[in-house]
Amino acid sequence: MEEKVKEILSKIRPQLQADGGDIEFVSMQDSEVKVRLKGACHGCPGAQMTLKMGVERALKQHVDESITVVSV
């Protein structure tokens, strides 16, 4: 499942990079995916919305419904 998560993150990455940000996979334990937001995404007021409505939603849709995303 971790490889599938990384694959989906690599598909999301260009959208974040277009806005001056980036996302880095940190780890996965059970269904919790830890990521690090970088660049313009780090500290952005909309970062939590990006994580929940963008990243987490894509992972739930394409990998597993039980996944949660946490920024570290």
PDB file of N, CA and C in Angstrom:
ATOM      1  N   MET A   1       0.831  -1.192   0.000  1.00  0.00           N
ATOM      2  CA  MET A   1       0.000   0.000   0.000  1.00  0.00           C
ATOM      3  C   MET A   1       0.874   1.253   0.000  1.00  0.00           C
ATOM      4  N   GLU A   2       2.027   1.198   0.651  1.00  0.00           N
ATOM      5  CA  GLU A   2       2.912   2.365   0.711  1.00  0.00           C
ATOM      6  C   GLU A   2       3.350   2.806  -0.687  1.00  0.00           C
ATOM      7  N   GLU A   3       3.638   1.849  -1.561  1.00  0.00           N
ATOM      8  CA  GLU A   3       4.058   2.197  -2.924  1.00  0.00           C
ATOM      9  C   GLU A   3       2.934   2.894  -3.683  1.00  0.00           C
ATOM     10  N   LYS A   4       1.707   2.455  -3.473  1.00  0.00           N
ATOM     11  CA  LYS A   4       0.555   3.088  -4.123  1.00  0.00           C
ATOM     12  C   LYS A   4       0.378   4.527  -3.608  1.00  0.00           C
ATOM     13  N   VAL A   5       0.582   4.729  -2.297  1.00  0.00           N
ATOM     14  CA  VAL A   5       0.509   6.073  -1.711  1.00  0.00           C
ATOM     15  C   VAL A   5       1.553   6.978  -2.365  1.00  0.00           C
ATOM     16  N   LYS A   6       2.778   6.484  -2.487  1.00  0.00           N
ATOM     17  CA  LYS A   6       3.847   7.278  -3.105  1.00  0.00           C
ATOM     18  C   LYS A   6       3.528   7.602  -4.561  1.00  0.00           C
ATOM     19  N   GLU A   7       2.915   6.655  -5.258  1.00  0.00           N
ATOM     20  CA  GLU A   7       2.533   6.876  -6.652  1.00  0.00           C
ATOM     21  C   GLU A   7       1.501   7.995  -6.767  1.00  0.00           C
ATOM     22  N   ILE A   8       0.501   7.976  -5.902  1.00  0.00           N
ATOM     23  CA  ILE A   8      -0.537   9.023  -5.930  1.00  0.00           C
ATOM     24  C   ILE A   8       0.070  10.374  -5.549  1.00  0.00           C
ATOM     25  N   LEU A   9       0.950  10.396  -4.548  1.00  0.00           N
ATOM     26  CA  LEU A   9       1.607  11.655  -4.163  1.00  0.00           C
ATOM     27  C   LEU A   9       2.411  12.226  -5.327  1.00  0.00           C
ATOM     28  N   SER A  10       3.054  11.359  -6.104  1.00  0.00           N
ATOM     29  CA  SER A  10       3.834  11.849  -7.244  1.00  0.00           C
ATOM     30  C   SER A  10       2.933  12.454  -8.315  1.00  0.00           C
ATOM     31  N   LYS A  11       1.683  12.016  -8.375  1.00  0.00           N
ATOM     32  CA  LYS A  11       0.729  12.598  -9.327  1.00  0.00           C
ATOM     33  C   LYS A  11       0.179  13.932  -8.832  1.00  0.00           C
ATOM     34  N   ILE A  12       0.122  14.103  -7.514  1.00  0.00           N
ATOM     35  CA  ILE A  12      -0.366  15.351  -6.916  1.00  0.00           C
ATOM     36  C   ILE A  12       0.724  16.422  -6.912  1.00  0.00           C
ATOM     37  N   ARG A  13       1.962  15.998  -6.782  1.00  0.00           N
ATOM     38  CA  ARG A  13       3.114  16.896  -6.634  1.00  0.00           C
ATOM     39  C   ARG A  13       3.166  18.030  -7.670  1.00  0.00           C
ATOM     40  N   PRO A  14       2.950  17.780  -8.965  1.00  0.00           N
ATOM     41  CA  PRO A  14       3.033  18.886  -9.935  1.00  0.00           C
ATOM     42  C   PRO A  14       2.042  20.017  -9.669  1.00  0.00           C
ATOM     43  N   GLN A  15       0.870  19.691  -9.156  1.00  0.00           N
ATOM     44  CA  GLN A  15      -0.110  20.735  -8.832  1.00  0.00           C
ATOM     45  C   GLN A  15       0.409  21.623  -7.704  1.00  0.00           C
ATOM     46  N   LEU A  16       1.022  21.017  -6.704  1.00  0.00           N
ATOM     47  CA  LEU A  16       1.578  21.789  -5.592  1.00  0.00           C
ATOM     48  C   LEU A  16       2.785  22.607  -6.050  1.00  0.00           C
ATOM     49  N   GLN A  17       3.619  22.010  -6.891  1.00  0.00           N
ATOM     50  CA  GLN A  17       4.799  22.708  -7.384  1.00  0.00           C
ATOM     51  C   GLN A  17       4.417  23.905  -8.248  1.00  0.00           C
ATOM     52  N   ALA A  18       3.300  23.807  -8.949  1.00  0.00           N
ATOM     53  CA  ALA A  18       2.841  24.923  -9.780  1.00  0.00           C
ATOM     54  C   ALA A  18       2.506  26.145  -8.929  1.00  0.00           C
ATOM     55  N   ASP A  19       2.165  25.914  -7.654  1.00  0.00           N
ATOM     56  CA  ASP A  19       1.862  27.007  -6.726  1.00  0.00           C
ATOM     57  C   ASP A  19       3.051  27.348  -5.831  1.00  0.00           C
ATOM     58  N   GLY A  20       4.231  26.809  -6.146  1.00  0.00           N
ATOM     59  CA  GLY A  20       5.438  27.124  -5.386  1.00  0.00           C
ATOM     60  C   GLY A  20       5.652  26.243  -4.172  1.00  0.00           C
ATOM     61  N   GLY A  21       4.905  25.164  -4.050  1.00  0.00           N
ATOM     62  CA  GLY A  21       5.045  24.264  -2.908  1.00  0.00           C
ATOM     63  C   GLY A  21       5.506  22.890  -3.326  1.00  0.00           C
ATOM     64  N   ASP A  22       5.463  21.974  -2.388  1.00  0.00           N
ATOM     65  CA  ASP A  22       5.828  20.584  -2.664  1.00  0.00           C
ATOM     66  C   ASP A  22       5.359  19.728  -1.500  1.00  0.00           C
ATOM     67  N   ILE A  23       5.354  18.420  -1.700  1.00  0.00           N
ATOM     68  CA  ILE A  23       4.970  17.478  -0.659  1.00  0.00           C
ATOM     69  C   ILE A  23       5.984  16.348  -0.642  1.00  0.00           C
ATOM     70  N   GLU A  24       6.333  15.915   0.554  1.00  0.00           N
ATOM     71  CA  GLU A  24       7.312  14.841   0.725  1.00  0.00           C
ATOM     72  C   GLU A  24       6.691  13.746   1.594  1.00  0.00           C
ATOM     73  N   PHE A  25       6.760  12.509   1.124  1.00  0.00           N
ATOM     74  CA  PHE A  25       6.312  11.368   1.911  1.00  0.00           C
ATOM     75  C   PHE A  25       7.305  11.158   3.039  1.00  0.00           C
ATOM     76  N   VAL A  26       6.826  11.032   4.280  1.00  0.00           N
ATOM     77  CA  VAL A  26       7.695  10.800   5.428  1.00  0.00           C
ATOM     78  C   VAL A  26       7.590   9.352   5.884  1.00  0.00           C
ATOM     79  N   SER A  27       6.375   8.905   6.183  1.00  0.00           N
ATOM     80  CA  SER A  27       6.197   7.531   6.627  1.00  0.00           C
ATOM     81  C   SER A  27       4.732   7.138   6.557  1.00  0.00           C
ATOM     82  N   MET A  28       4.504   5.848   6.750  1.00  0.00           N
ATOM     83  CA  MET A  28       3.142   5.344   6.805  1.00  0.00           C
ATOM     84  C   MET A  28       3.093   4.267   7.870  1.00  0.00           C
ATOM     85  N   GLN A  29       2.132   4.398   8.779  1.00  0.00           N
ATOM     86  CA  GLN A  29       1.930   3.393   9.813  1.00  0.00           C
ATOM     87  C   GLN A  29       0.442   3.101   9.858  1.00  0.00           C
ATOM     88  N   ASP A  30       0.089   1.837   9.666  1.00  0.00           N
ATOM     89  CA  ASP A  30      -1.305   1.418   9.542  1.00  0.00           C
ATOM     90  C   ASP A  30      -1.939   2.232   8.417  1.00  0.00           C
ATOM     91  N   SER A  31      -2.943   3.019   8.700  1.00  0.00           N
ATOM     92  CA  SER A  31      -3.575   3.809   7.638  1.00  0.00           C
ATOM     93  C   SER A  31      -3.285   5.305   7.777  1.00  0.00           C
ATOM     94  N   GLU A  32      -2.285   5.658   8.591  1.00  0.00           N
ATOM     95  CA  GLU A  32      -1.897   7.057   8.761  1.00  0.00           C
ATOM     96  C   GLU A  32      -0.670   7.364   7.905  1.00  0.00           C
ATOM     97  N   VAL A  33      -0.837   8.314   7.004  1.00  0.00           N
ATOM     98  CA  VAL A  33       0.243   8.733   6.114  1.00  0.00           C
ATOM     99  C   VAL A  33       0.789  10.056   6.629  1.00  0.00           C
ATOM    100  N   LYS A  34       2.090  10.096   6.882  1.00  0.00           N
ATOM    101  CA  LYS A  34       2.735  11.333   7.336  1.00  0.00           C
ATOM    102  C   LYS A  34       3.468  11.947   6.154  1.00  0.00           C
ATOM    103  N   VAL A  35       3.198  13.239   5.935  1.00  0.00           N
ATOM    104  CA  VAL A  35       3.837  13.970   4.849  1.00  0.00           C
ATOM    105  C   VAL A  35       4.412  15.278   5.385  1.00  0.00           C
ATOM    106  N   ARG A  36       5.309  15.848   4.621  1.00  0.00           N
ATOM    107  CA  ARG A  36       5.891  17.150   4.968  1.00  0.00           C
ATOM    108  C   ARG A  36       5.602  18.094   3.808  1.00  0.00           C
ATOM    109  N   LEU A  37       4.947  19.187   4.108  1.00  0.00           N
ATOM    110  CA  LEU A  37       4.711  20.217   3.100  1.00  0.00           C
ATOM    111  C   LEU A  37       5.916  21.138   3.048  1.00  0.00           C
ATOM    112  N   LYS A  38       6.322  21.510   1.843  1.00  0.00           N
ATOM    113  CA  LYS A  38       7.525  22.313   1.671  1.00  0.00           C
ATOM    114  C   LYS A  38       7.226  23.512   0.785  1.00  0.00           C
ATOM    115  N   GLY A  39       8.166  24.420   0.737  1.00  0.00           N
ATOM    116  CA  GLY A  39       8.029  25.601  -0.109  1.00  0.00           C
ATOM    117  C   GLY A  39       6.879  26.481   0.343  1.00  0.00           C
ATOM    118  N   ALA A  40       6.114  26.980  -0.624  1.00  0.00           N
ATOM    119  CA  ALA A  40       5.003  27.882  -0.320  1.00  0.00           C
ATOM    120  C   ALA A  40       3.916  27.199   0.498  1.00  0.00           C
ATOM    121  N   CYS A  41       3.851  25.872   0.449  1.00  0.00           N
ATOM    122  CA  CYS A  41       2.824  25.136   1.208  1.00  0.00           C
ATOM    123  C   CYS A  41       3.127  25.124   2.710  1.00  0.00           C
ATOM    124  N   HIS A  42       4.401  25.183   3.057  1.00  0.00           N
ATOM    125  CA  HIS A  42       4.786  25.156   4.468  1.00  0.00           C
ATOM    126  C   HIS A  42       4.320  26.440   5.140  1.00  0.00           C
ATOM    127  N   GLY A  43       3.447  26.313   6.104  1.00  0.00           N
ATOM    128  CA  GLY A  43       2.952  27.475   6.834  1.00  0.00           C
ATOM    129  C   GLY A  43       1.828  28.232   6.139  1.00  0.00           C
ATOM    130  N   CYS A  44       1.400  27.748   4.992  1.00  0.00           N
ATOM    131  CA  CYS A  44       0.315  28.409   4.261  1.00  0.00           C
ATOM    132  C   CYS A  44      -1.001  28.226   5.017  1.00  0.00           C
ATOM    133  N   PRO A  45      -1.815  29.278   5.110  1.00  0.00           N
ATOM    134  CA  PRO A  45      -3.099  29.156   5.805  1.00  0.00           C
ATOM    135  C   PRO A  45      -4.019  28.093   5.193  1.00  0.00           C
ATOM    136  N   GLY A  46      -3.874  27.821   3.917  1.00  0.00           N
ATOM    137  CA  GLY A  46      -4.708  26.821   3.244  1.00  0.00           C
ATOM    138  C   GLY A  46      -4.123  25.430   3.244  1.00  0.00           C
ATOM    139  N   ALA A  47      -3.006  25.236   3.938  1.00  0.00           N
ATOM    140  CA  ALA A  47      -2.316  23.942   3.903  1.00  0.00           C
ATOM    141  C   ALA A  47      -3.184  22.806   4.433  1.00  0.00           C
ATOM    142  N   GLN A  48      -3.910  23.018   5.505  1.00  0.00           N
ATOM    143  CA  GLN A  48      -4.752  21.949   6.054  1.00  0.00           C
ATOM    144  C   GLN A  48      -5.873  21.589   5.083  1.00  0.00           C
ATOM    145  N   MET A  49      -6.410  22.580   4.403  1.00  0.00           N
ATOM    146  CA  MET A  49      -7.440  22.298   3.406  1.00  0.00           C
ATOM    147  C   MET A  49      -6.842  21.496   2.253  1.00  0.00           C
ATOM    148  N   THR A  50      -5.629  21.858   1.829  1.00  0.00           N
ATOM    149  CA  THR A  50      -4.952  21.120   0.774  1.00  0.00           C
ATOM    150  C   THR A  50      -4.750  19.670   1.189  1.00  0.00           C
ATOM    151  N   LEU A  51      -4.322  19.462   2.432  1.00  0.00           N
ATOM    152  CA  LEU A  51      -4.094  18.100   2.915  1.00  0.00           C
ATOM    153  C   LEU A  51      -5.381  17.288   2.955  1.00  0.00           C
ATOM    154  N   LYS A  52      -6.424  17.847   3.519  1.00  0.00           N
ATOM    155  CA  LYS A  52      -7.664  17.095   3.713  1.00  0.00           C
ATOM    156  C   LYS A  52      -8.492  16.988   2.432  1.00  0.00           C
ATOM    157  N   MET A  53      -8.687  18.091   1.740  1.00  0.00           N
ATOM    158  CA  MET A  53      -9.565  18.096   0.570  1.00  0.00           C
ATOM    159  C   MET A  53      -8.849  17.654  -0.709  1.00  0.00           C
ATOM    160  N   GLY A  54      -7.548  17.749  -0.724  1.00  0.00           N
ATOM    161  CA  GLY A  54      -6.796  17.352  -1.912  1.00  0.00           C
ATOM    162  C   GLY A  54      -6.085  16.030  -1.737  1.00  0.00           C
ATOM    163  N   VAL A  55      -5.058  16.034  -0.909  1.00  0.00           N
ATOM    164  CA  VAL A  55      -4.194  14.867  -0.744  1.00  0.00           C
ATOM    165  C   VAL A  55      -4.955  13.691  -0.119  1.00  0.00           C
ATOM    166  N   GLU A  56      -5.580  13.918   1.029  1.00  0.00           N
ATOM    167  CA  GLU A  56      -6.268  12.824   1.711  1.00  0.00           C
ATOM    168  C   GLU A  56      -7.411  12.278   0.847  1.00  0.00           C
ATOM    169  N   ARG A  57      -8.145  13.157   0.206  1.00  0.00           N
ATOM    170  CA  ARG A  57      -9.249  12.722  -0.642  1.00  0.00           C
ATOM    171  C   ARG A  57      -8.763  11.833  -1.790  1.00  0.00           C
ATOM    172  N   ALA A  58      -7.661  12.227  -2.416  1.00  0.00           N
ATOM    173  CA  ALA A  58      -7.103  11.427  -3.519  1.00  0.00           C
ATOM    174  C   ALA A  58      -6.634  10.063  -3.019  1.00  0.00           C
ATOM    175  N   LEU A  59      -5.989  10.037  -1.856  1.00  0.00           N
ATOM    176  CA  LEU A  59      -5.513   8.765  -1.315  1.00  0.00           C
ATOM    177  C   LEU A  59      -6.681   7.859  -0.916  1.00  0.00           C
ATOM    178  N   LYS A  60      -7.721   8.433  -0.349  1.00  0.00           N
ATOM    179  CA  LYS A  60      -8.906   7.646   0.007  1.00  0.00           C
ATOM    180  C   LYS A  60      -9.550   7.062  -1.247  1.00  0.00           C
ATOM    181  N   GLN A  61      -9.597   7.847  -2.296  1.00  0.00           N
ATOM    182  CA  GLN A  61     -10.242   7.429  -3.534  1.00  0.00           C
ATOM    183  C   GLN A  61      -9.430   6.359  -4.269  1.00  0.00           C
ATOM    184  N   HIS A  62      -8.112   6.506  -4.304  1.00  0.00           N
ATOM    185  CA  HIS A  62      -7.279   5.636  -5.133  1.00  0.00           C
ATOM    186  C   HIS A  62      -6.542   4.529  -4.380  1.00  0.00           C
ATOM    187  N   VAL A  63      -6.455   4.641  -3.057  1.00  0.00           N
ATOM    188  CA  VAL A  63      -5.690   3.642  -2.304  1.00  0.00           C
ATOM    189  C   VAL A  63      -6.586   2.904  -1.311  1.00  0.00           C
ATOM    190  N   ASP A  64      -7.079   3.615  -0.280  1.00  0.00           N
ATOM    191  CA  ASP A  64      -7.876   2.976   0.764  1.00  0.00           C
ATOM    192  C   ASP A  64      -8.703   4.028   1.485  1.00  0.00           C
ATOM    193  N   GLU A  65      -9.962   3.748   1.671  1.00  0.00           N
ATOM    194  CA  GLU A  65     -10.903   4.687   2.297  1.00  0.00           C
ATOM    195  C   GLU A  65     -10.506   5.052   3.734  1.00  0.00           C
ATOM    196  N   SER A  66      -9.742   4.200   4.402  1.00  0.00           N
ATOM    197  CA  SER A  66      -9.419   4.427   5.820  1.00  0.00           C
ATOM    198  C   SER A  66      -8.198   5.326   6.033  1.00  0.00           C
ATOM    199  N   ILE A  67      -7.544   5.769   4.962  1.00  0.00           N
ATOM    200  CA  ILE A  67      -6.319   6.576   5.085  1.00  0.00           C
ATOM    201  C   ILE A  67      -6.604   7.954   5.670  1.00  0.00           C
ATOM    202  N   THR A  68      -5.720   8.378   6.557  1.00  0.00           N
ATOM    203  CA  THR A  68      -5.711   9.761   7.056  1.00  0.00           C
ATOM    204  C   THR A  68      -4.335  10.336   6.761  1.00  0.00           C
ATOM    205  N   VAL A  69      -4.289  11.625   6.529  1.00  0.00           N
ATOM    206  CA  VAL A  69      -3.024  12.311   6.209  1.00  0.00           C
ATOM    207  C   VAL A  69      -2.704  13.295   7.318  1.00  0.00           C
ATOM    208  N   VAL A  70      -1.454  13.258   7.782  1.00  0.00           N
ATOM    209  CA  VAL A  70      -0.988  14.129   8.851  1.00  0.00           C
ATOM    210  C   VAL A  70       0.262  14.845   8.380  1.00  0.00           C
ATOM    211  N   SER A  71       0.323  16.146   8.602  1.00  0.00           N
ATOM    212  CA  SER A  71       1.519  16.916   8.274  1.00  0.00           C
ATOM    213  C   SER A  71       2.472  16.903   9.465  1.00  0.00           C
ATOM    214  N   VAL A  72       3.728  16.645   9.186  1.00  0.00           N
ATOM    215  CA  VAL A  72       4.747  16.635  10.251  1.00  0.00           C
ATOM    216  C   VAL A  72       5.812  17.669   9.987  1.00  0.00           C
TER     217      VAL A  72
END
